[in-house]
Amino acid sequence: DKLDAISYKLTKGDTSITSVISVSGMCGAMGYLAVS
């Protein structure tokens, strides 16, 4: 119930930023696991 407020504070309502954050985090995690 708090994710909408947290997401808005992080992105200022710009949904494209949310996508960038999500994809960047996933790429970093999966990239580390793949290389290791």
PDB file of all heavy atoms in Angstrom:
ATOM      1  N   ASP A   1       0.817  -1.218   0.000  1.00  0.00           N
ATOM      2  CA  ASP A   1       0.000   0.000   0.000  1.00  0.00           C
ATOM      3  C   ASP A   1       0.849   1.266   0.000  1.00  0.00           C
ATOM      4  O   ASP A   1       0.323   2.367  -0.160  1.00  0.00           O
ATOM      5  CB  ASP A   1      -0.936  -0.009   1.210  1.00  0.00           C
ATOM      6  CG  ASP A   1      -0.174  -0.038   2.529  1.00  0.00           C
ATOM      7  OD1 ASP A   1       0.947  -0.585   2.555  1.00  0.00           O
ATOM      8  OD2 ASP A   1      -0.694   0.485   3.535  1.00  0.00           O
ATOM      9  N   LYS A   2       2.153   1.133   0.177  1.00  0.00           N
ATOM     10  CA  LYS A   2       3.030   2.306   0.240  1.00  0.00           C
ATOM     11  C   LYS A   2       3.881   2.456  -1.013  1.00  0.00           C
ATOM     12  O   LYS A   2       4.583   3.452  -1.177  1.00  0.00           O
ATOM     13  CB  LYS A   2       3.943   2.202   1.463  1.00  0.00           C
ATOM     14  CG  LYS A   2       3.204   2.076   2.792  1.00  0.00           C
ATOM     15  CD  LYS A   2       4.170   1.910   3.941  1.00  0.00           C
ATOM     16  CE  LYS A   2       3.427   1.793   5.276  1.00  0.00           C
ATOM     17  NZ  LYS A   2       2.585   0.580   5.333  1.00  0.00           N
ATOM     18  N   LEU A   3       3.832   1.470  -1.906  1.00  0.00           N
ATOM     19  CA  LEU A   3       4.716   1.493  -3.072  1.00  0.00           C
ATOM     20  C   LEU A   3       4.436   2.660  -4.011  1.00  0.00           C
ATOM     21  O   LEU A   3       5.353   3.212  -4.614  1.00  0.00           O
ATOM     22  CB  LEU A   3       4.598   0.168  -3.833  1.00  0.00           C
ATOM     23  CG  LEU A   3       5.251  -1.043  -3.161  1.00  0.00           C
ATOM     24  CD1 LEU A   3       5.059  -2.287  -4.008  1.00  0.00           C
ATOM     25  CD2 LEU A   3       6.740  -0.795  -2.928  1.00  0.00           C
ATOM     26  N   ASP A   4       3.170   3.025  -4.147  1.00  0.00           N
ATOM     27  CA  ASP A   4       2.839   4.145  -5.032  1.00  0.00           C
ATOM     28  C   ASP A   4       3.509   5.433  -4.553  1.00  0.00           C
ATOM     29  O   ASP A   4       4.093   6.176  -5.350  1.00  0.00           O
ATOM     30  CB  ASP A   4       1.316   4.346  -5.082  1.00  0.00           C
ATOM     31  CG  ASP A   4       0.643   3.335  -5.989  1.00  0.00           C
ATOM     32  OD1 ASP A   4       1.351   2.731  -6.816  1.00  0.00           O
ATOM     33  OD2 ASP A   4      -0.570   3.146  -5.860  1.00  0.00           O
ATOM     34  N   ALA A   5       3.438   5.677  -3.250  1.00  0.00           N
ATOM     35  CA  ALA A   5       4.043   6.892  -2.695  1.00  0.00           C
ATOM     36  C   ALA A   5       5.563   6.856  -2.832  1.00  0.00           C
ATOM     37  O   ALA A   5       6.205   7.855  -3.192  1.00  0.00           O
ATOM     38  CB  ALA A   5       3.648   7.046  -1.221  1.00  0.00           C
ATOM     39  N   ILE A   6       6.172   5.686  -2.553  1.00  0.00           N
ATOM     40  CA  ILE A   6       7.625   5.551  -2.666  1.00  0.00           C
ATOM     41  C   ILE A   6       8.072   5.733  -4.114  1.00  0.00           C
ATOM     42  O   ILE A   6       9.043   6.426  -4.402  1.00  0.00           O
ATOM     43  CB  ILE A   6       8.076   4.170  -2.139  1.00  0.00           C
ATOM     44  CG1 ILE A   6       7.792   4.064  -0.635  1.00  0.00           C
ATOM     45  CG2 ILE A   6       9.559   3.944  -2.417  1.00  0.00           C
ATOM     46  CD1 ILE A   6       8.060   2.683  -0.067  1.00  0.00           C
ATOM     47  N   SER A   7       7.332   5.098  -5.028  1.00  0.00           N
ATOM     48  CA  SER A   7       7.666   5.206  -6.449  1.00  0.00           C
ATOM     49  C   SER A   7       7.571   6.654  -6.918  1.00  0.00           C
ATOM     50  O   SER A   7       8.428   7.122  -7.682  1.00  0.00           O
ATOM     51  CB  SER A   7       6.725   4.317  -7.267  1.00  0.00           C
ATOM     52  OG  SER A   7       6.967   4.461  -8.639  1.00  0.00           O
ATOM     53  N   TYR A   8       6.548   7.369  -6.466  1.00  0.00           N
ATOM     54  CA  TYR A   8       6.370   8.764  -6.890  1.00  0.00           C
ATOM     55  C   TYR A   8       7.508   9.645  -6.374  1.00  0.00           C
ATOM     56  O   TYR A   8       8.006  10.519  -7.085  1.00  0.00           O
ATOM     57  CB  TYR A   8       5.034   9.308  -6.393  1.00  0.00           C
ATOM     58  CG  TYR A   8       4.744  10.701  -6.900  1.00  0.00           C
ATOM     59  CD1 TYR A   8       4.247  10.911  -8.176  1.00  0.00           C
ATOM     60  CD2 TYR A   8       4.995  11.806  -6.088  1.00  0.00           C
ATOM     61  CE1 TYR A   8       4.000  12.194  -8.650  1.00  0.00           C
ATOM     62  CE2 TYR A   8       4.755  13.094  -6.546  1.00  0.00           C
ATOM     63  CZ  TYR A   8       4.258  13.279  -7.831  1.00  0.00           C
ATOM     64  OH  TYR A   8       4.026  14.556  -8.283  1.00  0.00           O
ATOM     65  N   LYS A   9       7.953   9.405  -5.140  1.00  0.00           N
ATOM     66  CA  LYS A   9       9.049  10.200  -4.572  1.00  0.00           C
ATOM     67  C   LYS A   9      10.353   9.961  -5.324  1.00  0.00           C
ATOM     68  O   LYS A   9      11.167  10.874  -5.498  1.00  0.00           O
ATOM     69  CB  LYS A   9       9.225   9.856  -3.095  1.00  0.00           C
ATOM     70  CG  LYS A   9       8.113  10.417  -2.205  1.00  0.00           C
ATOM     71  CD  LYS A   9       8.395  10.116  -0.744  1.00  0.00           C
ATOM     72  CE  LYS A   9       7.298  10.721   0.146  1.00  0.00           C
ATOM     73  NZ  LYS A   9       7.538  10.442   1.589  1.00  0.00           N
ATOM     74  N   LEU A  10      10.556   8.703  -5.763  1.00  0.00           N
ATOM     75  CA  LEU A  10      11.794   8.375  -6.462  1.00  0.00           C
ATOM     76  C   LEU A  10      11.795   8.884  -7.904  1.00  0.00           C
ATOM     77  O   LEU A  10      12.841   9.289  -8.425  1.00  0.00           O
ATOM     78  CB  LEU A  10      12.001   6.858  -6.467  1.00  0.00           C
ATOM     79  CG  LEU A  10      12.367   6.211  -5.132  1.00  0.00           C
ATOM     80  CD1 LEU A  10      12.390   4.693  -5.269  1.00  0.00           C
ATOM     81  CD2 LEU A  10      13.721   6.706  -4.639  1.00  0.00           C
ATOM     82  N   THR A  11      10.642   8.847  -8.536  1.00  0.00           N
ATOM     83  CA  THR A  11      10.580   9.163  -9.967  1.00  0.00           C
ATOM     84  C   THR A  11       9.883  10.480 -10.295  1.00  0.00           C
ATOM     85  O   THR A  11       9.874  10.887 -11.457  1.00  0.00           O
ATOM     86  CB  THR A  11       9.840   8.033 -10.705  1.00  0.00           C
ATOM     87  OG1 THR A  11       8.469   7.998 -10.247  1.00  0.00           O
ATOM     88  CG2 THR A  11      10.490   6.685 -10.438  1.00  0.00           C
ATOM     89  N   LYS A  12       9.270  11.092  -9.290  1.00  0.00           N
ATOM     90  CA  LYS A  12       8.524  12.341  -9.512  1.00  0.00           C
ATOM     91  C   LYS A  12       7.418  12.159 -10.551  1.00  0.00           C
ATOM     92  O   LYS A  12       7.114  13.074 -11.325  1.00  0.00           O
ATOM     93  CB  LYS A  12       9.459  13.471  -9.944  1.00  0.00           C
ATOM     94  CG  LYS A  12      10.608  13.742  -8.978  1.00  0.00           C
ATOM     95  CD  LYS A  12      10.115  14.129  -7.597  1.00  0.00           C
ATOM     96  CE  LYS A  12      11.282  14.435  -6.663  1.00  0.00           C
ATOM     97  NZ  LYS A  12      10.821  14.742  -5.286  1.00  0.00           N
ATOM     98  N   GLY A  13       6.865  10.961 -10.577  1.00  0.00           N
ATOM     99  CA  GLY A  13       5.772  10.694 -11.506  1.00  0.00           C
ATOM    100  C   GLY A  13       6.190  10.253 -12.890  1.00  0.00           C
ATOM    101  O   GLY A  13       5.342   9.952 -13.729  1.00  0.00           O
ATOM    102  N   ASP A  14       7.498  10.194 -13.159  1.00  0.00           N
ATOM    103  CA  ASP A  14       7.981   9.784 -14.472  1.00  0.00           C
ATOM    104  C   ASP A  14       8.136   8.267 -14.495  1.00  0.00           C
ATOM    105  O   ASP A  14       9.093   7.705 -13.933  1.00  0.00           O
ATOM    106  CB  ASP A  14       9.327  10.451 -14.759  1.00  0.00           C
ATOM    107  CG  ASP A  14       9.790  10.213 -16.191  1.00  0.00           C
ATOM    108  OD1 ASP A  14       9.207   9.357 -16.871  1.00  0.00           O
ATOM    109  OD2 ASP A  14      10.750  10.891 -16.618  1.00  0.00           O
ATOM    110  N   THR A  15       7.217   7.570 -15.147  1.00  0.00           N
ATOM    111  CA  THR A  15       7.239   6.111 -15.155  1.00  0.00           C
ATOM    112  C   THR A  15       8.440   5.544 -15.904  1.00  0.00           C
ATOM    113  O   THR A  15       8.849   4.404 -15.649  1.00  0.00           O
ATOM    114  CB  THR A  15       5.952   5.547 -15.799  1.00  0.00           C
ATOM    115  OG1 THR A  15       5.802   6.106 -17.111  1.00  0.00           O
ATOM    116  CG2 THR A  15       4.725   5.914 -14.965  1.00  0.00           C
ATOM    117  N   SER A  16       8.997   6.315 -16.818  1.00  0.00           N
ATOM    118  CA  SER A  16      10.165   5.814 -17.560  1.00  0.00           C
ATOM    119  C   SER A  16      11.359   5.619 -16.626  1.00  0.00           C
ATOM    120  O   SER A  16      12.177   4.717 -16.823  1.00  0.00           O
ATOM    121  CB  SER A  16      10.539   6.778 -18.683  1.00  0.00           C
ATOM    122  OG  SER A  16      10.901   8.054 -18.161  1.00  0.00           O
ATOM    123  N   ILE A  17      11.454   6.449 -15.581  1.00  0.00           N
ATOM    124  CA  ILE A  17      12.547   6.305 -14.616  1.00  0.00           C
ATOM    125  C   ILE A  17      12.399   4.995 -13.844  1.00  0.00           C
ATOM    126  O   ILE A  17      13.381   4.309 -13.552  1.00  0.00           O
ATOM    127  CB  ILE A  17      12.577   7.503 -13.648  1.00  0.00           C
ATOM    128  CG1 ILE A  17      12.867   8.788 -14.414  1.00  0.00           C
ATOM    129  CG2 ILE A  17      13.616   7.291 -12.552  1.00  0.00           C
ATOM    130  CD1 ILE A  17      12.891  10.033 -13.553  1.00  0.00           C
ATOM    131  N   THR A  18      11.167   4.647 -13.517  1.00  0.00           N
ATOM    132  CA  THR A  18      10.921   3.386 -12.819  1.00  0.00           C
ATOM    133  C   THR A  18      11.415   2.211 -13.648  1.00  0.00           C
ATOM    134  O   THR A  18      12.035   1.276 -13.128  1.00  0.00           O
ATOM    135  CB  THR A  18       9.414   3.210 -12.553  1.00  0.00           C
ATOM    136  OG1 THR A  18       8.917   4.331 -11.823  1.00  0.00           O
ATOM    137  CG2 THR A  18       9.153   1.943 -11.754  1.00  0.00           C
ATOM    138  N   SER A  19      11.159   2.258 -14.945  1.00  0.00           N
ATOM    139  CA  SER A  19      11.612   1.192 -15.830  1.00  0.00           C
ATOM    140  C   SER A  19      13.136   1.114 -15.869  1.00  0.00           C
ATOM    141  O   SER A  19      13.719   0.023 -15.820  1.00  0.00           O
ATOM    142  CB  SER A  19      11.069   1.414 -17.246  1.00  0.00           C
ATOM    143  OG  SER A  19       9.668   1.419 -17.258  1.00  0.00           O
ATOM    144  N   VAL A  20      13.778   2.276 -15.926  1.00  0.00           N
ATOM    145  CA  VAL A  20      15.242   2.317 -15.973  1.00  0.00           C
ATOM    146  C   VAL A  20      15.843   1.743 -14.693  1.00  0.00           C
ATOM    147  O   VAL A  20      16.798   0.949 -14.735  1.00  0.00           O
ATOM    148  CB  VAL A  20      15.735   3.758 -16.197  1.00  0.00           C
ATOM    149  CG1 VAL A  20      17.255   3.841 -16.014  1.00  0.00           C
ATOM    150  CG2 VAL A  20      15.342   4.251 -17.573  1.00  0.00           C
ATOM    151  N   ILE A  21      15.282   2.122 -13.540  1.00  0.00           N
ATOM    152  CA  ILE A  21      15.782   1.618 -12.263  1.00  0.00           C
ATOM    153  C   ILE A  21      15.619   0.098 -12.178  1.00  0.00           C
ATOM    154  O   ILE A  21      16.538  -0.626 -11.770  1.00  0.00           O
ATOM    155  CB  ILE A  21      15.041   2.299 -11.090  1.00  0.00           C
ATOM    156  CG1 ILE A  21      15.391   3.786 -11.040  1.00  0.00           C
ATOM    157  CG2 ILE A  21      15.396   1.618  -9.762  1.00  0.00           C
ATOM    158  CD1 ILE A  21      14.591   4.565 -10.012  1.00  0.00           C
ATOM    159  N   SER A  22      14.460  -0.392 -12.578  1.00  0.00           N
ATOM    160  CA  SER A  22      14.189  -1.831 -12.501  1.00  0.00           C
ATOM    161  C   SER A  22      15.119  -2.616 -13.418  1.00  0.00           C
ATOM    162  O   SER A  22      15.719  -3.619 -13.008  1.00  0.00           O
ATOM    163  CB  SER A  22      12.733  -2.113 -12.876  1.00  0.00           C
ATOM    164  OG  SER A  22      11.839  -1.450 -12.007  1.00  0.00           O
ATOM    165  N   VAL A  23      15.248  -2.160 -14.655  1.00  0.00           N
ATOM    166  CA  VAL A  23      16.093  -2.867 -15.620  1.00  0.00           C
ATOM    167  C   VAL A  23      17.561  -2.801 -15.203  1.00  0.00           C
ATOM    168  O   VAL A  23      18.295  -3.797 -15.305  1.00  0.00           O
ATOM    169  CB  VAL A  23      15.908  -2.268 -17.033  1.00  0.00           C
ATOM    170  CG1 VAL A  23      16.932  -2.854 -17.999  1.00  0.00           C
ATOM    171  CG2 VAL A  23      14.499  -2.527 -17.535  1.00  0.00           C
ATOM    172  N   SER A  24      18.002  -1.646 -14.706  1.00  0.00           N
ATOM    173  CA  SER A  24      19.403  -1.496 -14.292  1.00  0.00           C
ATOM    174  C   SER A  24      19.733  -2.441 -13.140  1.00  0.00           C
ATOM    175  O   SER A  24      20.786  -3.091 -13.126  1.00  0.00           O
ATOM    176  CB  SER A  24      19.679  -0.051 -13.877  1.00  0.00           C
ATOM    177  OG  SER A  24      19.465   0.829 -14.955  1.00  0.00           O
ATOM    178  N   GLY A  25      18.836  -2.504 -12.161  1.00  0.00           N
ATOM    179  CA  GLY A  25      19.059  -3.401 -11.023  1.00  0.00           C
ATOM    180  C   GLY A  25      19.119  -4.849 -11.458  1.00  0.00           C
ATOM    181  O   GLY A  25      20.000  -5.614 -11.022  1.00  0.00           O
ATOM    182  N   MET A  26      18.210  -5.248 -12.340  1.00  0.00           N
ATOM    183  CA  MET A  26      18.189  -6.628 -12.815  1.00  0.00           C
ATOM    184  C   MET A  26      19.429  -6.955 -13.638  1.00  0.00           C
ATOM    185  O   MET A  26      20.024  -8.034 -13.497  1.00  0.00           O
ATOM    186  CB  MET A  26      16.924  -6.867 -13.636  1.00  0.00           C
ATOM    187  CG  MET A  26      16.742  -8.308 -14.087  1.00  0.00           C
ATOM    188  SD  MET A  26      16.577  -9.456 -12.701  1.00  0.00           S
ATOM    189  CE  MET A  26      14.968  -8.958 -12.060  1.00  0.00           C
ATOM    190  N   CYS A  27      19.844  -6.022 -14.496  1.00  0.00           N
ATOM    191  CA  CYS A  27      21.038  -6.252 -15.309  1.00  0.00           C
ATOM    192  C   CYS A  27      22.287  -6.397 -14.440  1.00  0.00           C
ATOM    193  O   CYS A  27      23.136  -7.262 -14.689  1.00  0.00           O
ATOM    194  CB  CYS A  27      21.239  -5.100 -16.305  1.00  0.00           C
ATOM    195  SG  CYS A  27      20.065  -5.101 -17.676  1.00  0.00           S
ATOM    196  N   GLY A  28      22.386  -5.557 -13.416  1.00  0.00           N
ATOM    197  CA  GLY A  28      23.532  -5.638 -12.513  1.00  0.00           C
ATOM    198  C   GLY A  28      23.579  -6.962 -11.778  1.00  0.00           C
ATOM    199  O   GLY A  28      24.635  -7.617 -11.707  1.00  0.00           O
ATOM    200  N   ALA A  29      22.442  -7.378 -11.230  1.00  0.00           N
ATOM    201  CA  ALA A  29      22.392  -8.631 -10.472  1.00  0.00           C
ATOM    202  C   ALA A  29      22.663  -9.837 -11.354  1.00  0.00           C
ATOM    203  O   ALA A  29      23.487 -10.704 -11.030  1.00  0.00           O
ATOM    204  CB  ALA A  29      21.022  -8.766  -9.786  1.00  0.00           C
ATOM    205  N   MET A  30      21.977  -9.901 -12.504  1.00  0.00           N
ATOM    206  CA  MET A  30      22.151 -11.042 -13.396  1.00  0.00           C
ATOM    207  C   MET A  30      23.536 -11.049 -14.040  1.00  0.00           C
ATOM    208  O   MET A  30      24.121 -12.111 -14.269  1.00  0.00           O
ATOM    209  CB  MET A  30      21.070 -11.027 -14.479  1.00  0.00           C
ATOM    210  CG  MET A  30      19.658 -11.261 -13.973  1.00  0.00           C
ATOM    211  SD  MET A  30      19.438 -12.861 -13.145  1.00  0.00           S
ATOM    212  CE  MET A  30      19.344 -12.338 -11.411  1.00  0.00           C
ATOM    213  N   GLY A  31      24.073  -9.848 -14.333  1.00  0.00           N
ATOM    214  CA  GLY A  31      25.414  -9.769 -14.893  1.00  0.00           C
ATOM    215  C   GLY A  31      26.456 -10.294 -13.923  1.00  0.00           C
ATOM    216  O   GLY A  31      27.371 -11.044 -14.312  1.00  0.00           O
ATOM    217  N   TYR A  32      26.325  -9.916 -12.656  1.00  0.00           N
ATOM    218  CA  TYR A  32      27.256 -10.417 -11.629  1.00  0.00           C
ATOM    219  C   TYR A  32      27.194 -11.928 -11.525  1.00  0.00           C
ATOM    220  O   TYR A  32      28.214 -12.625 -11.479  1.00  0.00           O
ATOM    221  CB  TYR A  32      26.930  -9.782 -10.281  1.00  0.00           C
ATOM    222  CG  TYR A  32      27.640 -10.443  -9.124  1.00  0.00           C
ATOM    223  CD1 TYR A  32      28.984 -10.170  -8.862  1.00  0.00           C
ATOM    224  CD2 TYR A  32      26.974 -11.350  -8.304  1.00  0.00           C
ATOM    225  CE1 TYR A  32      29.644 -10.787  -7.815  1.00  0.00           C
ATOM    226  CE2 TYR A  32      27.619 -11.971  -7.252  1.00  0.00           C
ATOM    227  CZ  TYR A  32      28.959 -11.683  -7.007  1.00  0.00           C
ATOM    228  OH  TYR A  32      29.598 -12.310  -5.968  1.00  0.00           O
ATOM    229  N   LEU A  33      25.982 -12.480 -11.487  1.00  0.00           N
ATOM    230  CA  LEU A  33      25.818 -13.925 -11.361  1.00  0.00           C
ATOM    231  C   LEU A  33      26.362 -14.658 -12.588  1.00  0.00           C
ATOM    232  O   LEU A  33      26.990 -15.712 -12.469  1.00  0.00           O
ATOM    233  CB  LEU A  33      24.340 -14.261 -11.160  1.00  0.00           C
ATOM    234  CG  LEU A  33      23.743 -13.796  -9.828  1.00  0.00           C
ATOM    235  CD1 LEU A  33      22.232 -14.017  -9.820  1.00  0.00           C
ATOM    236  CD2 LEU A  33      24.385 -14.543  -8.665  1.00  0.00           C
ATOM    237  N   ALA A  34      26.117 -14.088 -13.781  1.00  0.00           N
ATOM    238  CA  ALA A  34      26.594 -14.732 -15.007  1.00  0.00           C
ATOM    239  C   ALA A  34      28.119 -14.782 -15.032  1.00  0.00           C
ATOM    240  O   ALA A  34      28.716 -15.825 -15.322  1.00  0.00           O
ATOM    241  CB  ALA A  34      26.068 -13.988 -16.226  1.00  0.00           C
ATOM    242  N   VAL A  35      28.756 -13.660 -14.705  1.00  0.00           N
ATOM    243  CA  VAL A  35      30.222 -13.606 -14.744  1.00  0.00           C
ATOM    244  C   VAL A  35      30.839 -14.494 -13.673  1.00  0.00           C
ATOM    245  O   VAL A  35      31.796 -15.243 -13.929  1.00  0.00           O
ATOM    246  CB  VAL A  35      30.706 -12.147 -14.571  1.00  0.00           C
ATOM    247  CG1 VAL A  35      32.226 -12.105 -14.420  1.00  0.00           C
ATOM    248  CG2 VAL A  35      30.281 -11.307 -15.763  1.00  0.00           C
ATOM    249  N   SER A  36      30.294 -14.454 -12.456  1.00  0.00           N
ATOM    250  CA  SER A  36      30.856 -15.249 -11.359  1.00  0.00           C
ATOM    251  C   SER A  36      30.734 -16.746 -11.631  1.00  0.00           C
ATOM    252  O   SER A  36      31.604 -17.531 -11.231  1.00  0.00           O
ATOM    253  CB  SER A  36      30.164 -14.900 -10.034  1.00  0.00           C
ATOM    254  OG  SER A  36      28.783 -15.202 -10.089  1.00  0.00           O
TER     255      SER A  36
END
